[in-house]
Amino acid sequence: MSLKGQVALITGGAKNLGAQIALELAPLGASLALHYNSAKTKDDAVKLEQTFKQKYPGTKVVFYAADLTTATAVDKLFQDVSRDFGRIDIVVNTVGMVLKKPITEISEAEYDKMFAINSKAAFFILKAGAIHVKEGGKLITIVTSLLAAFTGFYTSYAGSKAPVEHFTRGVSKELMSKRVSVNAIAPGPMDTPFFYPQESPEAVAFHKSSALDGRLTDVKDIAPIVKFLCTEGQWITGQTIFANGGYTTR
């Protein structure tokens, strides 16, 4: 199924899962608006841009840098993308932050930052998507399989991701008249640089042992699910899809 003529905005799209999603959508003909958070990701954006020039030279790709923890910044991103591309059809939000700590050690500042990145940004990205995305579009947010796990130390992480499920269900109902599907994808512990600083070698081994093939979730496990939701799976809406190799369920 072709995405020719469609525009996909991917937040956190310059590296890791966001970049892999971009590489899945490009061969289908989608134009790509790829967001990244800060200057330290600029080098990743430059490398990804070169990859697109080599592999998909006909694909329009524009990068945008912004901290999306305010409604003003989110609105500006969507306005900029609409100006540059003329439309937005798909929004994939991969923005997130992990914190593993006992609740007794979590400061108010850490709590505020976690909810600003994982919950507030997701809310206003969905709000902007509801305004800007064309009829028949797609809104997809990456959450976490910890929403189905019974564990400690991730209270602020899982807790700040949990509201996104409710946002997703509510917005999916609100946008049915526009035929816009709205879903969340919940990966298991993912083999990216964000994962390892939180974990001891013993914890990494446990996470691997709890999933299919004795490994962590790979970005290449998740990106095809995004592609499916944007194509043949467009009738799926209001769901949280747990894609974690059997790591957990509910």
C-alpha atoms as a PDB file:
ATOM      1  CA  MET A   1       0.000   0.000   0.000  1.00  0.00           C
ATOM      2  CA  SER A   2       1.508   3.302  -1.080  1.00  0.00           C
ATOM      3  CA  LEU A   3       1.910   6.419   1.059  1.00  0.00           C
ATOM      4  CA  LYS A   4       2.805   8.530  -1.980  1.00  0.00           C
ATOM      5  CA  GLY A   5       1.687  12.121  -1.497  1.00  0.00           C
ATOM      6  CA  GLN A   6       1.419  11.709   2.282  1.00  0.00           C
ATOM      7  CA  VAL A   7       3.528  13.488   4.899  1.00  0.00           C
ATOM      8  CA  ALA A   8       4.705  11.765   8.084  1.00  0.00           C
ATOM      9  CA  LEU A   9       5.871  13.766  11.081  1.00  0.00           C
ATOM     10  CA  ILE A  10       8.028  11.658  13.410  1.00  0.00           C
ATOM     11  CA  THR A  11       9.037  13.156  16.739  1.00  0.00           C
ATOM     12  CA  GLY A  12      12.374  11.806  17.930  1.00  0.00           C
ATOM     13  CA  GLY A  13      12.879  10.876  14.300  1.00  0.00           C
ATOM     14  CA  ALA A  14      16.621  11.440  13.908  1.00  0.00           C
ATOM     15  CA  LYS A  15      17.897   8.265  15.610  1.00  0.00           C
ATOM     16  CA  ASN A  16      17.016   4.918  17.178  1.00  0.00           C
ATOM     17  CA  LEU A  17      13.354   3.898  16.763  1.00  0.00           C
ATOM     18  CA  GLY A  18      12.273   7.161  15.135  1.00  0.00           C
ATOM     19  CA  ALA A  19      14.936   6.842  12.437  1.00  0.00           C
ATOM     20  CA  GLN A  20      14.013   3.215  11.798  1.00  0.00           C
ATOM     21  CA  ILE A  21      10.359   4.183  11.374  1.00  0.00           C
ATOM     22  CA  ALA A  22      11.391   6.846   8.873  1.00  0.00           C
ATOM     23  CA  LEU A  23      13.333   4.214   6.932  1.00  0.00           C
ATOM     24  CA  GLU A  24      10.231   1.977   6.886  1.00  0.00           C
ATOM     25  CA  LEU A  25       7.929   4.701   5.548  1.00  0.00           C
ATOM     26  CA  ALA A  26      10.261   6.194   2.936  1.00  0.00           C
ATOM     27  CA  PRO A  27      10.056   3.257   0.462  1.00  0.00           C
ATOM     28  CA  LEU A  28       6.251   3.622   0.494  1.00  0.00           C
ATOM     29  CA  GLY A  29       6.571   7.154  -0.879  1.00  0.00           C
ATOM     30  CA  ALA A  30       5.949   9.217   2.253  1.00  0.00           C
ATOM     31  CA  SER A  31       7.606  12.605   2.684  1.00  0.00           C
ATOM     32  CA  LEU A  32       9.241  12.927   6.110  1.00  0.00           C
ATOM     33  CA  ALA A  33       9.337  15.672   8.727  1.00  0.00           C
ATOM     34  CA  LEU A  34      11.814  14.431  11.333  1.00  0.00           C
ATOM     35  CA  HIS A  35      12.036  16.132  14.720  1.00  0.00           C
ATOM     36  CA  TYR A  36      14.850  15.891  17.239  1.00  0.00           C
ATOM     37  CA  ASN A  37      15.112  17.392  20.696  1.00  0.00           C
ATOM     38  CA  SER A  38      18.471  19.108  21.084  1.00  0.00           C
ATOM     39  CA  ALA A  39      21.750  20.106  19.469  1.00  0.00           C
ATOM     40  CA  LYS A  40      23.473  16.939  20.708  1.00  0.00           C
ATOM     41  CA  THR A  41      21.369  14.949  18.214  1.00  0.00           C
ATOM     42  CA  LYS A  42      22.372  17.162  15.282  1.00  0.00           C
ATOM     43  CA  ASP A  43      25.113  14.752  14.186  1.00  0.00           C
ATOM     44  CA  ASP A  44      22.596  11.881  14.084  1.00  0.00           C
ATOM     45  CA  ALA A  45      20.298  14.002  11.929  1.00  0.00           C
ATOM     46  CA  VAL A  46      23.127  14.772   9.506  1.00  0.00           C
ATOM     47  CA  LYS A  47      24.039  11.070   9.223  1.00  0.00           C
ATOM     48  CA  LEU A  48      20.408  10.081   8.656  1.00  0.00           C
ATOM     49  CA  GLU A  49      20.031  12.773   6.004  1.00  0.00           C
ATOM     50  CA  GLN A  50      23.002  11.287   4.144  1.00  0.00           C
ATOM     51  CA  THR A  51      21.416   7.832   4.388  1.00  0.00           C
ATOM     52  CA  PHE A  52      18.263   9.139   2.755  1.00  0.00           C
ATOM     53  CA  LYS A  53      20.223  10.847  -0.005  1.00  0.00           C
ATOM     54  CA  GLN A  54      21.942   7.545  -0.786  1.00  0.00           C
ATOM     55  CA  LYS A  55      19.009   5.121  -0.386  1.00  0.00           C
ATOM     56  CA  TYR A  56      15.954   7.228  -1.170  1.00  0.00           C
ATOM     57  CA  PRO A  57      17.139  10.292  -3.113  1.00  0.00           C
ATOM     58  CA  GLY A  58      13.607  11.164  -4.224  1.00  0.00           C
ATOM     59  CA  THR A  59      12.238  11.410  -0.693  1.00  0.00           C
ATOM     60  CA  LYS A  60      11.641  14.878   0.747  1.00  0.00           C
ATOM     61  CA  VAL A  61      13.121  14.972   4.259  1.00  0.00           C
ATOM     62  CA  VAL A  62      13.237  18.032   6.535  1.00  0.00           C
ATOM     63  CA  PHE A  63      14.623  18.079  10.089  1.00  0.00           C
ATOM     64  CA  TYR A  64      13.291  20.204  12.952  1.00  0.00           C
ATOM     65  CA  ALA A  65      14.884  20.803  16.369  1.00  0.00           C
ATOM     66  CA  ALA A  66      12.595  21.567  19.322  1.00  0.00           C
ATOM     67  CA  ASP A  67      11.941  20.813  22.983  1.00  0.00           C
ATOM     68  CA  LEU A  68       8.310  19.648  22.860  1.00  0.00           C
ATOM     69  CA  THR A  69       7.484  20.000  26.559  1.00  0.00           C
ATOM     70  CA  THR A  70       5.347  23.106  25.969  1.00  0.00           C
ATOM     71  CA  ALA A  71       2.182  23.479  23.936  1.00  0.00           C
ATOM     72  CA  THR A  72       3.713  26.506  22.197  1.00  0.00           C
ATOM     73  CA  ALA A  73       6.671  24.461  20.930  1.00  0.00           C
ATOM     74  CA  VAL A  74       4.415  21.634  19.742  1.00  0.00           C
ATOM     75  CA  ASP A  75       2.116  24.055  17.909  1.00  0.00           C
ATOM     76  CA  LYS A  76       5.091  25.735  16.242  1.00  0.00           C
ATOM     77  CA  LEU A  77       6.439  22.379  15.040  1.00  0.00           C
ATOM     78  CA  PHE A  78       3.120  21.447  13.464  1.00  0.00           C
ATOM     79  CA  GLN A  79       2.751  24.883  11.901  1.00  0.00           C
ATOM     80  CA  ASP A  80       6.286  24.711  10.482  1.00  0.00           C
ATOM     81  CA  VAL A  81       5.689  21.256   9.015  1.00  0.00           C
ATOM     82  CA  SER A  82       2.345  22.314   7.533  1.00  0.00           C
ATOM     83  CA  ARG A  83       4.052  25.333   5.963  1.00  0.00           C
ATOM     84  CA  ASP A  84       6.947  23.332   4.529  1.00  0.00           C
ATOM     85  CA  PHE A  85       4.968  20.343   3.257  1.00  0.00           C
ATOM     86  CA  GLY A  86       1.451  21.701   2.817  1.00  0.00           C
ATOM     87  CA  ARG A  87      -0.161  18.918   4.859  1.00  0.00           C
ATOM     88  CA  ILE A  88       0.339  16.326   7.615  1.00  0.00           C
ATOM     89  CA  ASP A  89      -1.129  12.824   7.267  1.00  0.00           C
ATOM     90  CA  ILE A  90       0.759  10.724   9.813  1.00  0.00           C
ATOM     91  CA  VAL A  91       2.148  11.600  13.238  1.00  0.00           C
ATOM     92  CA  VAL A  92       4.370   9.133  15.106  1.00  0.00           C
ATOM     93  CA  ASN A  93       5.501  10.274  18.550  1.00  0.00           C
ATOM     94  CA  THR A  94       8.544   8.384  19.845  1.00  0.00           C
ATOM     95  CA  VAL A  95       9.578  10.996  22.435  1.00  0.00           C
ATOM     96  CA  GLY A  96      10.238   9.580  25.880  1.00  0.00           C
ATOM     97  CA  MET A  97      12.484   9.524  28.929  1.00  0.00           C
ATOM     98  CA  VAL A  98      13.304   6.613  31.245  1.00  0.00           C
ATOM     99  CA  LEU A  99      14.027   6.866  34.975  1.00  0.00           C
ATOM    100  CA  LYS A 100      14.635   3.860  37.231  1.00  0.00           C
ATOM    101  CA  LYS A 101      14.695   4.815  40.898  1.00  0.00           C
ATOM    102  CA  PRO A 102      12.965   3.957  44.167  1.00  0.00           C
ATOM    103  CA  ILE A 103      10.117   6.393  44.734  1.00  0.00           C
ATOM    104  CA  THR A 104      11.863   7.579  47.914  1.00  0.00           C
ATOM    105  CA  GLU A 105      14.705   8.958  45.776  1.00  0.00           C
ATOM    106  CA  ILE A 106      12.675  10.726  43.068  1.00  0.00           C
ATOM    107  CA  SER A 107      12.776  14.503  43.391  1.00  0.00           C
ATOM    108  CA  GLU A 108       9.977  16.871  42.467  1.00  0.00           C
ATOM    109  CA  ALA A 109      12.101  18.170  39.596  1.00  0.00           C
ATOM    110  CA  GLU A 110      12.544  14.633  38.248  1.00  0.00           C
ATOM    111  CA  TYR A 111       8.827  13.961  38.569  1.00  0.00           C
ATOM    112  CA  ASP A 112       7.985  17.163  36.690  1.00  0.00           C
ATOM    113  CA  LYS A 113      10.470  16.371  33.918  1.00  0.00           C
ATOM    114  CA  MET A 114       9.197  12.824  33.465  1.00  0.00           C
ATOM    115  CA  PHE A 115       5.586  13.936  33.143  1.00  0.00           C
ATOM    116  CA  ALA A 116       6.502  16.871  30.895  1.00  0.00           C
ATOM    117  CA  ILE A 117       8.264  14.564  28.415  1.00  0.00           C
ATOM    118  CA  ASN A 118       6.207  11.375  28.627  1.00  0.00           C
ATOM    119  CA  SER A 119       2.717  12.720  29.287  1.00  0.00           C
ATOM    120  CA  LYS A 120       2.370  16.447  28.602  1.00  0.00           C
ATOM    121  CA  ALA A 121       4.254  16.357  25.295  1.00  0.00           C
ATOM    122  CA  ALA A 122       2.220  13.335  24.179  1.00  0.00           C
ATOM    123  CA  PHE A 123      -1.033  15.127  25.045  1.00  0.00           C
ATOM    124  CA  PHE A 124      -0.233  18.248  23.070  1.00  0.00           C
ATOM    125  CA  ILE A 125       1.171  16.274  20.130  1.00  0.00           C
ATOM    126  CA  LEU A 126      -2.136  14.403  19.974  1.00  0.00           C
ATOM    127  CA  LYS A 127      -4.013  17.694  20.279  1.00  0.00           C
ATOM    128  CA  ALA A 128      -2.033  19.268  17.442  1.00  0.00           C
ATOM    129  CA  GLY A 129      -2.445  16.087  15.414  1.00  0.00           C
ATOM    130  CA  ALA A 130      -6.213  16.226  15.917  1.00  0.00           C
ATOM    131  CA  ILE A 131      -6.166  19.747  14.466  1.00  0.00           C
ATOM    132  CA  HIS A 132      -3.705  19.302  11.596  1.00  0.00           C
ATOM    133  CA  VAL A 133      -3.878  15.702  10.391  1.00  0.00           C
ATOM    134  CA  LYS A 134      -5.901  15.215   7.220  1.00  0.00           C
ATOM    135  CA  GLU A 135      -8.946  12.947   6.921  1.00  0.00           C
ATOM    136  CA  GLY A 136      -7.934   9.299   6.991  1.00  0.00           C
ATOM    137  CA  GLY A 137      -4.699  10.103   8.832  1.00  0.00           C
ATOM    138  CA  LYS A 138      -2.864   8.262  11.589  1.00  0.00           C
ATOM    139  CA  LEU A 139      -1.733   9.241  15.103  1.00  0.00           C
ATOM    140  CA  ILE A 140       0.634   6.776  16.811  1.00  0.00           C
ATOM    141  CA  THR A 141       2.394   7.124  20.168  1.00  0.00           C
ATOM    142  CA  ILE A 142       5.127   4.882  21.563  1.00  0.00           C
ATOM    143  CA  VAL A 143       4.489   3.942  25.198  1.00  0.00           C
ATOM    144  CA  THR A 144       5.926   0.999  27.192  1.00  0.00           C
ATOM    145  CA  SER A 145       5.110  -2.600  28.055  1.00  0.00           C
ATOM    146  CA  LEU A 146       5.682  -1.655  31.689  1.00  0.00           C
ATOM    147  CA  LEU A 147       2.056  -0.475  31.581  1.00  0.00           C
ATOM    148  CA  ALA A 148       1.242  -4.177  31.873  1.00  0.00           C
ATOM    149  CA  ALA A 149       3.993  -5.068  34.362  1.00  0.00           C
ATOM    150  CA  PHE A 150       3.840  -5.254  38.145  1.00  0.00           C
ATOM    151  CA  THR A 151       7.236  -3.945  39.173  1.00  0.00           C
ATOM    152  CA  GLY A 152       8.975  -1.348  41.267  1.00  0.00           C
ATOM    153  CA  PHE A 153      11.524   1.375  40.520  1.00  0.00           C
ATOM    154  CA  TYR A 154       9.794   2.498  37.312  1.00  0.00           C
ATOM    155  CA  THR A 155       6.925   4.277  39.047  1.00  0.00           C
ATOM    156  CA  SER A 156       7.615   7.665  37.470  1.00  0.00           C
ATOM    157  CA  TYR A 157       8.303   6.190  34.017  1.00  0.00           C
ATOM    158  CA  ALA A 158       5.345   3.838  33.722  1.00  0.00           C
ATOM    159  CA  GLY A 159       3.159   6.304  35.614  1.00  0.00           C
ATOM    160  CA  SER A 160       3.979   9.131  33.215  1.00  0.00           C
ATOM    161  CA  LYS A 161       3.322   6.912  30.192  1.00  0.00           C
ATOM    162  CA  ALA A 162       0.041   5.512  31.533  1.00  0.00           C
ATOM    163  CA  PRO A 163      -2.088   8.611  30.758  1.00  0.00           C
ATOM    164  CA  VAL A 164      -1.222   8.253  27.069  1.00  0.00           C
ATOM    165  CA  GLU A 165      -3.445   5.176  26.878  1.00  0.00           C
ATOM    166  CA  HIS A 166      -6.400   7.255  28.020  1.00  0.00           C
ATOM    167  CA  PHE A 167      -5.468  10.090  25.664  1.00  0.00           C
ATOM    168  CA  THR A 168      -5.297   7.573  22.829  1.00  0.00           C
ATOM    169  CA  ARG A 169      -8.691   6.027  23.486  1.00  0.00           C
ATOM    170  CA  GLY A 170     -10.417   9.368  23.933  1.00  0.00           C
ATOM    171  CA  VAL A 171      -8.899  10.981  20.845  1.00  0.00           C
ATOM    172  CA  SER A 172      -9.689   7.893  18.745  1.00  0.00           C
ATOM    173  CA  LYS A 173     -13.378   8.409  19.498  1.00  0.00           C
ATOM    174  CA  GLU A 174     -13.210  12.141  18.841  1.00  0.00           C
ATOM    175  CA  LEU A 175     -11.590  11.646  15.422  1.00  0.00           C
ATOM    176  CA  MET A 176     -13.768   8.846  14.085  1.00  0.00           C
ATOM    177  CA  SER A 177     -15.715  11.318  11.941  1.00  0.00           C
ATOM    178  CA  LYS A 178     -12.424  12.211  10.207  1.00  0.00           C
ATOM    179  CA  ARG A 179     -11.509   8.511   9.828  1.00  0.00           C
ATOM    180  CA  VAL A 180      -8.267   9.177  11.710  1.00  0.00           C
ATOM    181  CA  SER A 181      -6.929   6.124  13.545  1.00  0.00           C
ATOM    182  CA  VAL A 182      -5.237   6.708  16.900  1.00  0.00           C
ATOM    183  CA  ASN A 183      -3.129   4.012  18.563  1.00  0.00           C
ATOM    184  CA  ALA A 184      -0.298   3.395  21.028  1.00  0.00           C
ATOM    185  CA  ILE A 185       2.455   0.797  20.680  1.00  0.00           C
ATOM    186  CA  ALA A 186       4.041  -0.639  23.834  1.00  0.00           C
ATOM    187  CA  PRO A 187       7.478  -2.175  23.164  1.00  0.00           C
ATOM    188  CA  GLY A 188       9.328  -4.298  25.664  1.00  0.00           C
ATOM    189  CA  PRO A 189      12.728  -3.211  27.037  1.00  0.00           C
ATOM    190  CA  MET A 190      14.414  -1.929  23.899  1.00  0.00           C
ATOM    191  CA  ASP A 191      17.981  -2.437  22.776  1.00  0.00           C
ATOM    192  CA  THR A 192      18.891   1.256  22.421  1.00  0.00           C
ATOM    193  CA  PRO A 193      21.338   3.551  24.264  1.00  0.00           C
ATOM    194  CA  PHE A 194      18.447   4.809  26.423  1.00  0.00           C
ATOM    195  CA  PHE A 195      18.023   1.409  28.090  1.00  0.00           C
ATOM    196  CA  TYR A 196      21.433   0.410  29.399  1.00  0.00           C
ATOM    197  CA  PRO A 197      22.298   3.325  31.749  1.00  0.00           C
ATOM    198  CA  GLN A 198      19.315   2.374  33.912  1.00  0.00           C
ATOM    199  CA  GLU A 199      20.139  -1.301  34.271  1.00  0.00           C
ATOM    200  CA  SER A 200      22.688  -3.595  35.906  1.00  0.00           C
ATOM    201  CA  PRO A 201      24.076  -6.534  33.893  1.00  0.00           C
ATOM    202  CA  GLU A 202      21.899  -8.855  35.987  1.00  0.00           C
ATOM    203  CA  ALA A 203      18.768  -6.845  35.164  1.00  0.00           C
ATOM    204  CA  VAL A 204      19.635  -6.836  31.458  1.00  0.00           C
ATOM    205  CA  ALA A 205      20.012 -10.619  31.569  1.00  0.00           C
ATOM    206  CA  PHE A 206      16.632 -10.955  33.304  1.00  0.00           C
ATOM    207  CA  HIS A 207      14.873  -8.754  30.743  1.00  0.00           C
ATOM    208  CA  LYS A 208      16.381 -10.786  27.907  1.00  0.00           C
ATOM    209  CA  SER A 209      15.382 -14.095  29.496  1.00  0.00           C
ATOM    210  CA  SER A 210      11.741 -12.967  29.723  1.00  0.00           C
ATOM    211  CA  ALA A 211      11.190 -12.556  25.984  1.00  0.00           C
ATOM    212  CA  LEU A 212      11.162 -14.590  22.795  1.00  0.00           C
ATOM    213  CA  ASP A 213      14.623 -15.596  21.538  1.00  0.00           C
ATOM    214  CA  GLY A 214      16.156 -14.469  24.853  1.00  0.00           C
ATOM    215  CA  ARG A 215      16.692 -10.924  23.652  1.00  0.00           C
ATOM    216  CA  LEU A 216      15.502  -7.354  24.064  1.00  0.00           C
ATOM    217  CA  THR A 217      13.034  -5.663  21.751  1.00  0.00           C
ATOM    218  CA  ASP A 218      14.761  -4.303  18.646  1.00  0.00           C
ATOM    219  CA  VAL A 219      13.723  -1.145  16.803  1.00  0.00           C
ATOM    220  CA  LYS A 220      13.231  -3.375  13.751  1.00  0.00           C
ATOM    221  CA  ASP A 221      10.539  -5.256  15.682  1.00  0.00           C
ATOM    222  CA  ILE A 222       8.498  -2.088  16.215  1.00  0.00           C
ATOM    223  CA  ALA A 223       8.944  -0.028  13.033  1.00  0.00           C
ATOM    224  CA  PRO A 224       7.047  -2.552  10.830  1.00  0.00           C
ATOM    225  CA  ILE A 225       4.086  -2.330  13.228  1.00  0.00           C
ATOM    226  CA  VAL A 226       4.011   1.424  12.689  1.00  0.00           C
ATOM    227  CA  LYS A 227       4.098   0.811   8.938  1.00  0.00           C
ATOM    228  CA  PHE A 228       1.220  -1.678   9.253  1.00  0.00           C
ATOM    229  CA  LEU A 229      -0.912   0.794  11.203  1.00  0.00           C
ATOM    230  CA  CYS A 230      -0.255   3.382   8.488  1.00  0.00           C
ATOM    231  CA  THR A 231      -1.279   1.002   5.694  1.00  0.00           C
ATOM    232  CA  GLU A 232      -3.247  -2.245   5.865  1.00  0.00           C
ATOM    233  CA  GLY A 233      -3.912  -1.828   9.608  1.00  0.00           C
ATOM    234  CA  GLN A 234      -5.591   1.546   9.313  1.00  0.00           C
ATOM    235  CA  TRP A 235      -8.921   0.186  10.614  1.00  0.00           C
ATOM    236  CA  ILE A 236      -7.315  -0.516  14.016  1.00  0.00           C
ATOM    237  CA  THR A 237      -7.938   2.404  16.380  1.00  0.00           C
ATOM    238  CA  GLY A 238      -8.085   3.204  20.084  1.00  0.00           C
ATOM    239  CA  GLN A 239      -5.695   0.370  20.963  1.00  0.00           C
ATOM    240  CA  THR A 240      -2.477  -0.185  22.871  1.00  0.00           C
ATOM    241  CA  ILE A 241      -0.527  -2.869  21.036  1.00  0.00           C
ATOM    242  CA  PHE A 242       1.885  -4.758  23.288  1.00  0.00           C
ATOM    243  CA  ALA A 243       4.809  -5.810  21.092  1.00  0.00           C
ATOM    244  CA  ASN A 244       7.418  -7.309  23.387  1.00  0.00           C
ATOM    245  CA  GLY A 245       8.190 -10.928  22.457  1.00  0.00           C
ATOM    246  CA  GLY A 246       5.985 -12.229  25.276  1.00  0.00           C
ATOM    247  CA  TYR A 247       7.750 -10.156  27.923  1.00  0.00           C
ATOM    248  CA  THR A 248       4.430  -9.310  29.600  1.00  0.00           C
ATOM    249  CA  THR A 249       0.718  -8.976  28.913  1.00  0.00           C
ATOM    250  CA  ARG A 250      -2.505  -8.161  30.713  1.00  0.00           C
END
